[in-house]
Amino acid sequence: MTSPQPLLAEAPGARERRESRARQLLTLNQPRPVRVVTDPLGRPTALHLRGRVRRVDHIREEWRIDDEWWRTPISRKYLRVVLDSGRLVTLYLDLEEKRWYLQDA
């Protein structure tokens, strides 16, 4: 005995495309390591973005998050910066790892 055929058949490759879109959504806005040049006070002055050096025009906003100390410590200094191109990006310095990340771009 064979099982009944579904009423609506999927187009070839539909499942793979759906799974691919789901993976893309999961990786949306994932932080990426970024090389940052800082001044003597540790403020970003430039960053290397897609093979180009972009100067930081000014820092628009700054805040800090310290969380989950009871598990794995999270200690980050976030900055919203305006680049010389006018583009607004969010950076953070992982204070545990001493590494910069680009949160959105």
C-alpha atoms as a PDB file:
ATOM      1  CA  MET A   1       0.000   0.000   0.000  1.00  0.00           C
ATOM      2  CA  THR A   2       1.376   3.406  -0.928  1.00  0.00           C
ATOM      3  CA  SER A   3       0.899   6.605   1.007  1.00  0.00           C
ATOM      4  CA  PRO A   4      -1.416   9.221  -0.510  1.00  0.00           C
ATOM      5  CA  GLN A   5       0.172  11.925  -2.633  1.00  0.00           C
ATOM      6  CA  PRO A   6       0.054  15.472  -1.193  1.00  0.00           C
ATOM      7  CA  LEU A   7      -2.650  17.672  -2.639  1.00  0.00           C
ATOM      8  CA  LEU A   8      -0.180  20.444  -3.485  1.00  0.00           C
ATOM      9  CA  ALA A   9       3.252  19.489  -4.698  1.00  0.00           C
ATOM     10  CA  GLU A  10       6.190  21.826  -4.116  1.00  0.00           C
ATOM     11  CA  ALA A  11       8.124  23.160  -7.035  1.00  0.00           C
ATOM     12  CA  PRO A  12      11.556  21.614  -7.475  1.00  0.00           C
ATOM     13  CA  GLY A  13      14.051  23.321  -5.160  1.00  0.00           C
ATOM     14  CA  ALA A  14      11.374  25.106  -3.086  1.00  0.00           C
ATOM     15  CA  ARG A  15      12.389  23.435   0.152  1.00  0.00           C
ATOM     16  CA  GLU A  16      16.082  24.284  -0.375  1.00  0.00           C
ATOM     17  CA  ARG A  17      15.236  27.933  -1.129  1.00  0.00           C
ATOM     18  CA  ARG A  18      13.092  28.131   2.014  1.00  0.00           C
ATOM     19  CA  GLU A  19      15.871  26.652   4.153  1.00  0.00           C
ATOM     20  CA  SER A  20      18.415  29.013   2.582  1.00  0.00           C
ATOM     21  CA  ARG A  21      16.223  32.035   3.379  1.00  0.00           C
ATOM     22  CA  ALA A  22      15.823  30.797   6.967  1.00  0.00           C
ATOM     23  CA  ARG A  23      19.620  30.538   7.348  1.00  0.00           C
ATOM     24  CA  GLN A  24      20.004  34.069   5.952  1.00  0.00           C
ATOM     25  CA  LEU A  25      17.502  35.393   8.478  1.00  0.00           C
ATOM     26  CA  LEU A  26      19.361  33.733  11.320  1.00  0.00           C
ATOM     27  CA  THR A  27      22.616  35.428  10.314  1.00  0.00           C
ATOM     28  CA  LEU A  28      21.090  38.869   9.839  1.00  0.00           C
ATOM     29  CA  ASN A  29      22.993  41.541  11.739  1.00  0.00           C
ATOM     30  CA  GLN A  30      25.587  39.141  13.117  1.00  0.00           C
ATOM     31  CA  PRO A  31      28.578  41.036  14.518  1.00  0.00           C
ATOM     32  CA  ARG A  32      31.761  40.757  12.450  1.00  0.00           C
ATOM     33  CA  PRO A  33      35.304  41.381  13.659  1.00  0.00           C
ATOM     34  CA  VAL A  34      36.597  44.691  12.304  1.00  0.00           C
ATOM     35  CA  ARG A  35      39.970  46.401  12.463  1.00  0.00           C
ATOM     36  CA  VAL A  36      39.641  49.758  14.218  1.00  0.00           C
ATOM     37  CA  VAL A  37      42.227  52.529  14.579  1.00  0.00           C
ATOM     38  CA  THR A  38      41.895  54.407  17.862  1.00  0.00           C
ATOM     39  CA  ASP A  39      43.252  57.625  19.347  1.00  0.00           C
ATOM     40  CA  PRO A  40      45.293  57.630  22.593  1.00  0.00           C
ATOM     41  CA  LEU A  41      42.043  57.649  24.618  1.00  0.00           C
ATOM     42  CA  GLY A  42      40.759  54.525  22.853  1.00  0.00           C
ATOM     43  CA  ARG A  43      38.127  56.299  20.724  1.00  0.00           C
ATOM     44  CA  PRO A  44      37.783  55.004  17.156  1.00  0.00           C
ATOM     45  CA  THR A  45      39.229  57.295  14.478  1.00  0.00           C
ATOM     46  CA  ALA A  46      39.036  54.929  11.485  1.00  0.00           C
ATOM     47  CA  LEU A  47      37.973  51.425  10.558  1.00  0.00           C
ATOM     48  CA  HIS A  48      38.825  49.009   7.781  1.00  0.00           C
ATOM     49  CA  LEU A  49      35.604  48.221   5.949  1.00  0.00           C
ATOM     50  CA  ARG A  50      35.499  46.023   2.834  1.00  0.00           C
ATOM     51  CA  GLY A  51      39.134  46.669   1.993  1.00  0.00           C
ATOM     52  CA  ARG A  52      38.946  50.440   2.498  1.00  0.00           C
ATOM     53  CA  VAL A  53      39.891  52.647   5.402  1.00  0.00           C
ATOM     54  CA  ARG A  54      36.958  54.784   6.509  1.00  0.00           C
ATOM     55  CA  ARG A  55      37.569  57.737   8.790  1.00  0.00           C
ATOM     56  CA  VAL A  56      35.204  58.208  11.742  1.00  0.00           C
ATOM     57  CA  ASP A  57      33.714  61.673  11.367  1.00  0.00           C
ATOM     58  CA  HIS A  58      32.168  61.699  14.841  1.00  0.00           C
ATOM     59  CA  ILE A  59      30.706  59.522  17.560  1.00  0.00           C
ATOM     60  CA  ARG A  60      26.963  60.010  17.761  1.00  0.00           C
ATOM     61  CA  GLU A  61      26.179  57.797  20.749  1.00  0.00           C
ATOM     62  CA  GLU A  62      28.016  55.611  23.256  1.00  0.00           C
ATOM     63  CA  TRP A  63      26.780  53.087  25.827  1.00  0.00           C
ATOM     64  CA  ARG A  64      28.015  50.079  27.746  1.00  0.00           C
ATOM     65  CA  ILE A  65      26.501  46.680  28.477  1.00  0.00           C
ATOM     66  CA  ASP A  66      27.686  44.432  31.286  1.00  0.00           C
ATOM     67  CA  ASP A  67      25.535  41.349  31.577  1.00  0.00           C
ATOM     68  CA  GLU A  68      25.332  37.661  32.463  1.00  0.00           C
ATOM     69  CA  TRP A  69      28.117  37.836  35.002  1.00  0.00           C
ATOM     70  CA  TRP A  70      26.725  34.639  36.541  1.00  0.00           C
ATOM     71  CA  ARG A  71      27.445  32.687  33.302  1.00  0.00           C
ATOM     72  CA  THR A  72      29.890  33.911  30.712  1.00  0.00           C
ATOM     73  CA  PRO A  73      30.681  37.583  31.269  1.00  0.00           C
ATOM     74  CA  ILE A  74      29.529  40.007  28.603  1.00  0.00           C
ATOM     75  CA  SER A  75      31.114  43.412  28.780  1.00  0.00           C
ATOM     76  CA  ARG A  76      30.814  45.622  25.718  1.00  0.00           C
ATOM     77  CA  LYS A  77      31.264  49.274  24.891  1.00  0.00           C
ATOM     78  CA  TYR A  78      28.954  50.214  21.994  1.00  0.00           C
ATOM     79  CA  LEU A  79      29.328  53.237  19.742  1.00  0.00           C
ATOM     80  CA  ARG A  80      27.154  54.621  16.945  1.00  0.00           C
ATOM     81  CA  VAL A  81      29.604  56.405  14.664  1.00  0.00           C
ATOM     82  CA  VAL A  82      29.239  58.479  11.527  1.00  0.00           C
ATOM     83  CA  LEU A  83      31.844  57.663   8.886  1.00  0.00           C
ATOM     84  CA  ASP A  84      33.409  60.131   6.463  1.00  0.00           C
ATOM     85  CA  SER A  85      30.962  58.850   3.831  1.00  0.00           C
ATOM     86  CA  GLY A  86      28.020  59.883   6.031  1.00  0.00           C
ATOM     87  CA  ARG A  87      27.158  56.283   6.790  1.00  0.00           C
ATOM     88  CA  LEU A  88      26.012  55.486  10.344  1.00  0.00           C
ATOM     89  CA  VAL A  89      27.319  52.194  11.809  1.00  0.00           C
ATOM     90  CA  THR A  90      27.340  50.486  15.185  1.00  0.00           C
ATOM     91  CA  LEU A  91      30.626  49.219  16.586  1.00  0.00           C
ATOM     92  CA  TYR A  92      31.393  47.563  19.860  1.00  0.00           C
ATOM     93  CA  LEU A  93      34.530  46.771  21.759  1.00  0.00           C
ATOM     94  CA  ASP A  94      34.333  43.437  23.549  1.00  0.00           C
ATOM     95  CA  LEU A  95      36.001  44.391  26.816  1.00  0.00           C
ATOM     96  CA  GLU A  96      36.629  40.734  27.725  1.00  0.00           C
ATOM     97  CA  GLU A  97      38.329  39.842  24.417  1.00  0.00           C
ATOM     98  CA  LYS A  98      39.743  43.321  23.699  1.00  0.00           C
ATOM     99  CA  ARG A  99      38.413  43.044  20.118  1.00  0.00           C
ATOM    100  CA  TRP A 100      36.293  45.377  17.984  1.00  0.00           C
ATOM    101  CA  TYR A 101      33.181  44.208  16.121  1.00  0.00           C
ATOM    102  CA  LEU A 102      30.939  45.776  13.512  1.00  0.00           C
ATOM    103  CA  GLN A 103      27.347  45.116  14.571  1.00  0.00           C
ATOM    104  CA  ASP A 104      25.605  46.344  11.425  1.00  0.00           C
ATOM    105  CA  ALA A 105      26.757  47.412   8.001  1.00  0.00           C
END
